[in-house]
Amino acid sequence: MKRVLILVNHEVVIYNFRLEIVERLIEKEYEVYISSPAGEKIEELSALGCKHVDLTINRHGTNVVEELKLLSYYIKTIKRTKPDVVLSFTIKPNIYGGIACRLLNVPLIANITGLGTAVENKSIMQRISIRLYKMAFKKVNCVFFQNTENMEFFNNYNIAVDKHKLLPGSGVNLNRFDVLEYPHDKTTEFVFISRIMKEKGIEQYLEAAQYIKDKYPNTLFHVCGFCEEAYEDQLNELHEQGIIYYHGMVRNVSEILKRSHCTIHPTYYPEGLSNVLLESAASGRPIITTNRSGCREVVEEGKNGYMVEQKNSQALIKAIEKFLELDHKLKKQMGTEGRRKVEKEFDRGIVVDAYLKEVDKV
């Protein structure tokens, strides 16, 4: 039986967005190991037949000693599990898992799920990250990208240039995210679903919510996600004032999409390709997002949503007002167009087939 080792910084990255890859590997009688921190989805992954290898990782840390410990962990894990191929996702598993695979001569298929702020912006961290990626991907078998800008970045820095392949993000499971009935227009509800942090555009969303709620009382602004940065007090205060409805972490995104008329994703974080936009569009919801890589791929301007300049609250307010001016039929039509787009371009089956093809080559 062949073995696949999956390296990731959070088990939800696999359970929510790559479960179909795991299921197909198990169907094909691969033995699947998942290296990640302990989490609530590990039990369900284990029930499928996966074996969990516990990992301690500081996703944002830069302490050299801790980074070397992480590299040592990956070397030990690969030696112990003896995989035929390693699949890596997210920044640190890609880099340190990639270096470990190179040292141990184990095939690697990596996925660039986004560059992260340290790599996107010119800085000493960018230079260090580029050198590390060059070391990690020297012998990589395949590097999947979720958008053309990320792929171009690796091309420009001459990193594994002959191993690049473009995927439609993580794709979306069109059965799990089926079209939802479009709600009536008595109150127009918007939703922000994301990790709550500055670069995800939470400040622009809250500023827009305050302005719109004051001008259009029959609107409701939901905020869903866990706070990675210090916004909890502000969110609770705005919730108390009735300006937003703060839900915290939401386990079933479809429950909130059922009642919302439009998803707002004003991010300027270096995304691979936004899953919340794919899931919203698949559910038949119009989207308003930023005109940047990782978001613009999902939008046809004016057809299934609107794009705005990043970090621009006034542009976001104008886009929301433009949406509010549409009648119910046109809003619903926007959602239908979004579904049509993801069916054509972002079916997760495309991603699963691409992975199985690369794994079978090893």
Protein backbone atom coordinates (compact mmCIF):
# COMPACT_ATOMS: atom_id res chain seq x y z
CA MET A 1 0.00 0.00 0.00
CA LYS A 2 1.39 3.42 -1.00
CA ARG A 3 1.61 6.15 1.61
CA VAL A 4 0.79 9.85 1.30
CA LEU A 5 1.85 12.30 4.00
CA ILE A 6 -0.03 15.61 4.10
CA LEU A 7 1.67 18.59 5.79
CA VAL A 8 -0.54 21.48 6.86
CA ASN A 9 -0.71 24.11 9.61
CA HIS A 10 -4.39 23.51 10.54
CA GLU A 11 -6.55 20.44 10.03
CA VAL A 12 -9.47 22.60 8.86
CA VAL A 13 -7.42 23.45 5.74
CA ILE A 14 -7.77 19.78 4.80
CA TYR A 15 -11.24 19.03 6.16
CA ASN A 16 -13.01 22.08 4.72
CA PHE A 17 -11.16 22.52 1.44
CA ARG A 18 -9.39 19.24 0.48
CA LEU A 19 -11.50 16.49 1.99
CA GLU A 20 -12.40 15.18 -1.48
CA ILE A 21 -8.69 14.64 -2.26
CA VAL A 22 -8.31 12.60 0.93
CA GLU A 23 -11.43 10.56 0.14
CA ARG A 24 -10.22 9.76 -3.39
CA LEU A 25 -6.77 8.74 -2.09
CA ILE A 26 -8.36 6.39 0.45
CA GLU A 27 -10.66 4.97 -2.27
CA LYS A 28 -7.54 4.23 -4.30
CA GLU A 29 -6.13 2.42 -1.23
CA TYR A 30 -3.48 4.94 -0.33
CA GLU A 31 -2.52 5.11 3.33
CA VAL A 32 -2.99 8.76 4.32
CA TYR A 33 -1.10 10.47 7.14
CA ILE A 34 -1.93 14.06 8.14
CA SER A 35 0.60 16.17 10.04
CA SER A 36 -1.18 19.09 11.74
CA PRO A 37 -1.89 20.53 15.16
CA ALA A 38 -4.66 18.75 17.08
CA GLY A 39 -8.11 20.11 16.24
CA GLU A 40 -11.81 19.35 16.26
CA LYS A 41 -11.81 17.78 12.77
CA ILE A 42 -9.07 15.23 13.51
CA GLU A 43 -11.58 12.74 14.88
CA GLU A 44 -13.63 12.92 11.67
CA LEU A 45 -10.52 12.59 9.50
CA SER A 46 -9.42 9.60 11.58
CA ALA A 47 -12.88 8.03 11.13
CA LEU A 48 -12.28 8.17 7.37
CA GLY A 49 -9.11 6.17 7.86
CA CYS A 50 -6.44 8.89 8.09
CA LYS A 51 -3.63 8.67 10.62
CA HIS A 52 -2.86 11.85 12.52
CA VAL A 53 0.68 13.00 13.34
CA ASP A 54 0.56 15.75 15.95
CA LEU A 55 2.38 19.01 15.17
CA THR A 56 3.19 22.12 17.18
CA ILE A 57 3.62 25.15 14.93
CA ASN A 58 3.63 28.91 15.38
CA ARG A 59 2.21 30.10 12.06
CA HIS A 60 3.44 33.68 12.44
CA GLY A 61 6.63 33.12 14.48
CA THR A 62 10.12 33.99 13.20
CA ASN A 63 12.28 32.66 16.03
CA VAL A 64 15.19 30.85 14.36
CA VAL A 65 15.44 28.14 17.02
CA GLU A 66 11.73 27.37 16.71
CA GLU A 67 11.99 27.25 12.92
CA LEU A 68 14.88 24.77 13.12
CA LYS A 69 12.82 22.64 15.52
CA LEU A 70 10.02 22.62 12.95
CA LEU A 71 12.42 21.48 10.23
CA SER A 72 13.72 18.76 12.58
CA TYR A 73 10.11 17.68 13.27
CA TYR A 74 9.41 17.27 9.55
CA ILE A 75 12.60 15.28 9.00
CA LYS A 76 11.70 12.93 11.87
CA THR A 77 8.06 12.62 10.72
CA ILE A 78 9.05 11.75 7.16
CA LYS A 79 11.61 9.21 8.37
CA ARG A 80 9.02 7.60 10.65
CA THR A 81 6.05 7.50 8.24
CA LYS A 82 8.12 6.67 5.12
CA PRO A 83 5.72 8.28 2.58
CA ASP A 84 5.88 7.62 -1.15
CA VAL A 85 4.88 11.25 -1.70
CA VAL A 86 4.33 14.35 0.46
CA LEU A 87 1.56 16.91 -0.20
CA SER A 88 2.21 20.27 1.45
CA PHE A 89 -0.09 23.26 1.96
CA THR A 90 0.42 26.72 3.50
CA ILE A 91 3.69 28.59 3.97
CA LYS A 92 5.72 26.88 6.70
CA PRO A 93 4.77 23.29 5.77
CA ASN A 94 5.70 24.16 2.16
CA ILE A 95 9.08 25.58 3.13
CA TYR A 96 10.29 23.35 5.97
CA GLY A 97 8.46 20.26 4.73
CA GLY A 98 9.94 20.96 1.31
CA ILE A 99 13.49 21.20 2.68
CA ALA A 100 12.98 17.96 4.63
CA CYS A 101 11.74 16.18 1.48
CA ARG A 102 14.74 17.45 -0.47
CA LEU A 103 17.18 16.24 2.21
CA LEU A 104 15.51 12.81 2.36
CA ASN A 105 14.90 12.54 -1.39
CA VAL A 106 11.10 12.15 -1.00
CA PRO A 107 8.76 13.35 -3.81
CA LEU A 108 6.90 16.58 -2.99
CA ILE A 109 3.75 18.16 -4.44
CA ALA A 110 3.30 21.65 -2.97
CA ASN A 111 0.38 24.07 -3.08
CA ILE A 112 0.90 27.84 -2.78
CA THR A 113 -2.26 28.81 -0.93
CA GLY A 114 -1.18 32.47 -0.86
CA LEU A 115 2.11 34.28 -0.46
CA GLY A 116 1.47 35.87 2.91
CA THR A 117 2.34 39.44 3.78
CA ALA A 118 6.02 38.73 4.45
CA VAL A 119 6.54 37.50 0.90
CA GLU A 120 4.27 39.88 -1.01
CA ASN A 121 5.87 43.09 0.24
CA LYS A 122 9.53 43.96 -0.37
CA SER A 123 11.47 43.50 2.85
CA ILE A 124 14.24 41.43 4.38
CA MET A 125 11.59 38.79 5.18
CA GLN A 126 10.73 38.62 1.48
CA ARG A 127 14.41 38.02 0.59
CA ILE A 128 14.72 35.32 3.27
CA SER A 129 11.47 33.66 2.17
CA ILE A 130 12.58 33.58 -1.48
CA ARG A 131 15.87 31.90 -0.52
CA LEU A 132 13.99 29.36 1.61
CA TYR A 133 11.52 28.60 -1.20
CA LYS A 134 14.45 28.05 -3.58
CA MET A 135 15.98 25.58 -1.13
CA ALA A 136 12.67 23.83 -0.48
CA PHE A 137 11.57 23.49 -4.11
CA LYS A 138 14.92 22.56 -5.67
CA LYS A 139 13.71 19.00 -6.35
CA VAL A 140 9.92 19.52 -6.06
CA ASN A 141 7.79 17.37 -8.36
CA CYS A 142 4.98 19.88 -8.83
CA VAL A 143 3.96 23.27 -7.44
CA PHE A 144 0.26 24.11 -7.67
CA PHE A 145 -0.79 27.76 -7.67
CA GLN A 146 -4.21 29.26 -7.04
CA ASN A 147 -3.74 32.44 -9.07
CA THR A 148 -1.54 33.71 -11.88
CA GLU A 149 0.08 36.52 -9.85
CA ASN A 150 1.54 34.07 -7.33
CA MET A 151 2.79 31.89 -10.19
CA GLU A 152 4.36 34.91 -11.86
CA PHE A 153 6.12 35.82 -8.61
CA PHE A 154 7.79 32.39 -8.52
CA ASN A 155 8.63 32.70 -12.20
CA ASN A 156 10.24 36.10 -11.65
CA TYR A 157 12.45 34.71 -8.89
CA ASN A 158 13.25 31.57 -10.86
CA ILE A 159 11.78 29.14 -8.33
CA ALA A 160 10.93 25.69 -9.75
CA VAL A 161 9.81 27.33 -13.00
CA ASP A 162 9.33 24.11 -14.96
CA LYS A 163 7.11 22.53 -12.25
CA HIS A 164 4.28 25.09 -12.09
CA LYS A 165 0.60 24.22 -12.56
CA LEU A 166 -2.42 26.50 -12.07
CA LEU A 167 -5.52 25.32 -10.18
CA PRO A 168 -8.90 27.08 -9.76
CA GLY A 169 -8.09 27.75 -6.10
CA SER A 170 -9.25 24.95 -3.83
CA GLY A 171 -12.36 24.66 -5.99
CA VAL A 172 -15.76 24.35 -4.35
CA ASN A 173 -17.89 21.28 -3.65
CA LEU A 174 -20.99 22.09 -5.69
CA ASN A 175 -23.11 19.48 -3.89
CA ARG A 176 -22.19 20.65 -0.42
CA PHE A 177 -22.73 24.30 -1.43
CA ASP A 178 -25.94 24.03 -3.43
CA VAL A 179 -27.97 27.06 -4.52
CA LEU A 180 -29.90 28.52 -1.59
CA GLU A 181 -33.28 30.19 -1.93
CA TYR A 182 -32.74 33.94 -2.26
CA PRO A 183 -34.22 35.77 0.76
CA HIS A 184 -36.92 38.44 0.53
CA ASP A 185 -36.00 42.10 0.52
CA LYS A 186 -37.70 43.46 3.64
CA THR A 187 -34.29 43.78 5.25
CA THR A 188 -31.13 43.51 3.14
CA GLU A 189 -28.47 41.49 4.94
CA PHE A 190 -24.73 41.50 4.24
CA VAL A 191 -22.13 39.14 5.63
CA PHE A 192 -18.41 39.24 6.31
CA ILE A 193 -16.99 35.71 6.78
CA SER A 194 -13.28 35.46 7.49
CA ARG A 195 -10.55 35.36 10.07
CA ILE A 196 -10.97 38.78 11.66
CA MET A 197 -7.82 40.75 11.01
CA LYS A 198 -6.90 44.12 9.55
CA GLU A 199 -5.69 42.74 6.22
CA LYS A 200 -8.98 40.93 5.66
CA GLY A 201 -10.59 44.37 5.45
CA ILE A 202 -12.56 44.29 8.69
CA GLU A 203 -11.97 48.04 9.27
CA GLN A 204 -13.39 48.96 5.85
CA TYR A 205 -16.37 46.64 6.44
CA LEU A 206 -17.16 48.16 9.84
CA GLU A 207 -16.82 51.72 8.53
CA ALA A 208 -19.16 50.90 5.66
CA ALA A 209 -21.61 49.16 8.02
CA GLN A 210 -21.82 52.23 10.27
CA TYR A 211 -22.49 54.57 7.33
CA ILE A 212 -24.98 52.33 5.53
CA LYS A 213 -26.87 51.29 8.66
CA ASP A 214 -27.40 54.95 9.55
CA LYS A 215 -28.59 55.86 6.04
CA TYR A 216 -30.52 52.65 5.29
CA PRO A 217 -32.05 51.34 8.57
CA ASN A 218 -33.44 48.24 6.83
CA THR A 219 -30.02 46.68 6.47
CA LEU A 220 -28.16 44.19 8.63
CA PHE A 221 -24.42 43.52 8.71
CA HIS A 222 -23.22 40.13 9.97
CA VAL A 223 -19.63 39.44 11.06
CA CYS A 224 -18.55 35.79 11.25
CA GLY A 225 -15.10 34.52 12.20
CA PHE A 226 -12.60 34.28 15.01
CA CYS A 227 -10.50 37.28 16.00
CA GLU A 228 -6.82 36.84 15.13
CA GLU A 229 -6.23 40.46 16.11
CA ALA A 230 -7.61 42.79 18.78
CA TYR A 231 -11.08 43.59 17.38
CA GLU A 232 -13.21 41.70 19.91
CA ASP A 233 -14.11 44.74 22.05
CA GLN A 234 -14.97 46.88 19.03
CA LEU A 235 -17.12 44.13 17.52
CA ASN A 236 -18.98 43.58 20.78
CA GLU A 237 -19.57 47.33 21.14
CA LEU A 238 -20.95 47.66 17.58
CA HIS A 239 -23.09 44.58 18.21
CA GLU A 240 -24.53 46.20 21.35
CA GLN A 241 -25.29 49.35 19.33
CA GLY A 242 -27.17 47.29 16.74
CA ILE A 243 -24.83 48.29 13.90
CA ILE A 244 -23.56 44.76 13.28
CA TYR A 245 -24.50 41.25 14.33
CA TYR A 246 -21.32 39.57 15.57
CA HIS A 247 -21.55 35.77 15.49
CA GLY A 248 -17.98 34.76 16.34
CA MET A 249 -16.81 31.51 14.74
CA VAL A 250 -19.53 29.91 12.60
CA ARG A 251 -19.27 26.15 12.03
CA ASN A 252 -21.83 25.93 9.21
CA VAL A 253 -21.36 28.79 6.76
CA SER A 254 -24.50 27.82 4.79
CA GLU A 255 -26.69 28.72 7.77
CA ILE A 256 -25.57 32.36 7.58
CA LEU A 257 -25.57 32.44 3.77
CA LYS A 258 -29.24 31.35 3.82
CA ARG A 259 -30.31 34.69 5.25
CA SER A 260 -27.79 36.99 3.57
CA HIS A 261 -28.31 38.84 0.28
CA CYS A 262 -24.66 39.55 -0.46
CA THR A 263 -21.21 38.55 0.78
CA ILE A 264 -18.68 41.33 1.33
CA HIS A 265 -14.99 40.39 1.30
CA PRO A 266 -12.92 43.61 1.35
CA THR A 267 -9.60 41.82 1.84
CA TYR A 268 -6.13 43.00 0.94
CA TYR A 269 -4.48 39.92 2.46
CA PRO A 270 -2.34 38.00 -0.07
CA GLU A 271 -4.95 35.30 -0.77
CA GLY A 272 -4.41 32.24 -2.94
CA LEU A 273 -8.03 32.27 -4.04
CA SER A 274 -10.77 33.18 -1.61
CA ASN A 275 -12.83 30.19 -0.48
CA VAL A 276 -15.55 32.37 1.03
CA LEU A 277 -16.14 33.96 -2.38
CA LEU A 278 -16.33 30.55 -4.06
CA GLU A 279 -18.74 29.19 -1.44
CA SER A 280 -20.92 32.31 -1.54
CA ALA A 281 -21.11 32.29 -5.34
CA ALA A 282 -21.87 28.55 -5.35
CA SER A 283 -24.73 29.24 -2.92
CA GLY A 284 -26.20 31.83 -5.29
CA ARG A 285 -25.07 34.93 -3.45
CA PRO A 286 -23.77 38.13 -5.10
CA ILE A 287 -20.33 39.25 -3.91
CA ILE A 288 -18.57 42.55 -3.31
CA THR A 289 -14.81 42.24 -3.01
CA THR A 290 -11.50 43.91 -3.78
CA ASN A 291 -9.96 44.13 -7.21
CA ARG A 292 -6.90 42.07 -6.41
CA SER A 293 -5.45 38.69 -7.13
CA GLY A 294 -7.25 35.88 -5.30
CA CYS A 295 -10.59 37.74 -5.46
CA ARG A 296 -11.06 39.20 -8.94
CA GLU A 297 -10.98 35.71 -10.47
CA VAL A 298 -14.44 35.01 -9.00
CA VAL A 299 -16.12 38.26 -10.10
CA GLU A 300 -17.56 39.39 -13.41
CA GLU A 301 -18.11 43.07 -12.73
CA GLY A 302 -21.78 43.98 -12.56
CA LYS A 303 -22.80 40.46 -13.47
CA ASN A 304 -22.32 38.46 -10.25
CA GLY A 305 -20.98 41.26 -8.05
CA TYR A 306 -18.77 44.31 -7.78
CA MET A 307 -15.06 44.92 -7.25
CA VAL A 308 -13.65 47.86 -5.31
CA GLU A 309 -10.21 49.30 -4.70
CA GLN A 310 -8.54 47.74 -1.68
CA LYS A 311 -8.36 49.75 1.59
CA ASN A 312 -10.97 52.17 0.20
CA SER A 313 -14.02 52.42 2.49
CA GLN A 314 -15.72 55.04 0.29
CA ALA A 315 -15.49 52.77 -2.74
CA LEU A 316 -16.95 49.94 -0.67
CA ILE A 317 -19.84 52.16 0.50
CA LYS A 318 -20.60 53.16 -3.11
CA ALA A 319 -20.63 49.50 -4.19
CA ILE A 320 -23.02 48.59 -1.35
CA GLU A 321 -25.32 51.48 -2.27
CA LYS A 322 -25.22 50.38 -5.91
CA PHE A 323 -26.28 46.91 -4.80
CA LEU A 324 -29.07 48.29 -2.59
CA GLU A 325 -30.48 50.20 -5.58
CA LEU A 326 -31.02 46.96 -7.51
CA ASP A 327 -34.47 45.43 -7.36
CA HIS A 328 -34.96 41.97 -5.86
CA LYS A 329 -35.03 40.25 -9.25
CA LEU A 330 -31.66 41.70 -10.31
CA LYS A 331 -30.02 40.83 -6.98
CA LYS A 332 -31.23 37.27 -7.33
CA GLN A 333 -30.02 37.18 -10.94
CA MET A 334 -26.55 38.21 -9.73
CA GLY A 335 -26.51 35.20 -7.44
CA THR A 336 -27.57 32.92 -10.30
CA GLU A 337 -24.73 34.26 -12.46
CA GLY A 338 -22.25 33.56 -9.65
CA ARG A 339 -23.41 29.95 -9.42
CA ARG A 340 -23.08 29.58 -13.20
CA LYS A 341 -19.52 30.89 -13.03
CA VAL A 342 -18.31 28.54 -10.30
CA GLU A 343 -20.01 25.54 -11.96
CA LYS A 344 -18.07 26.28 -15.13
CA GLU A 345 -14.69 27.26 -13.66
CA PHE A 346 -14.32 26.23 -10.03
CA ASP A 347 -15.75 22.72 -9.55
CA ARG A 348 -13.60 20.99 -6.92
CA GLY A 349 -13.53 17.90 -9.10
CA ILE A 350 -11.03 19.75 -11.33
CA VAL A 351 -8.66 20.12 -8.36
CA VAL A 352 -9.08 16.53 -7.18
CA ASP A 353 -8.34 15.15 -10.66
CA ALA A 354 -5.22 17.32 -10.95
CA TYR A 355 -3.90 16.03 -7.61
CA LEU A 356 -4.59 12.38 -8.38
CA LYS A 357 -2.83 12.76 -11.73
CA GLU A 358 0.31 14.13 -10.05
CA VAL A 359 0.25 11.57 -7.23
CA ASP A 360 -0.10 8.72 -9.73
CA LYS A 361 2.98 9.98 -11.59
CA VAL A 362 5.20 9.44 -8.53
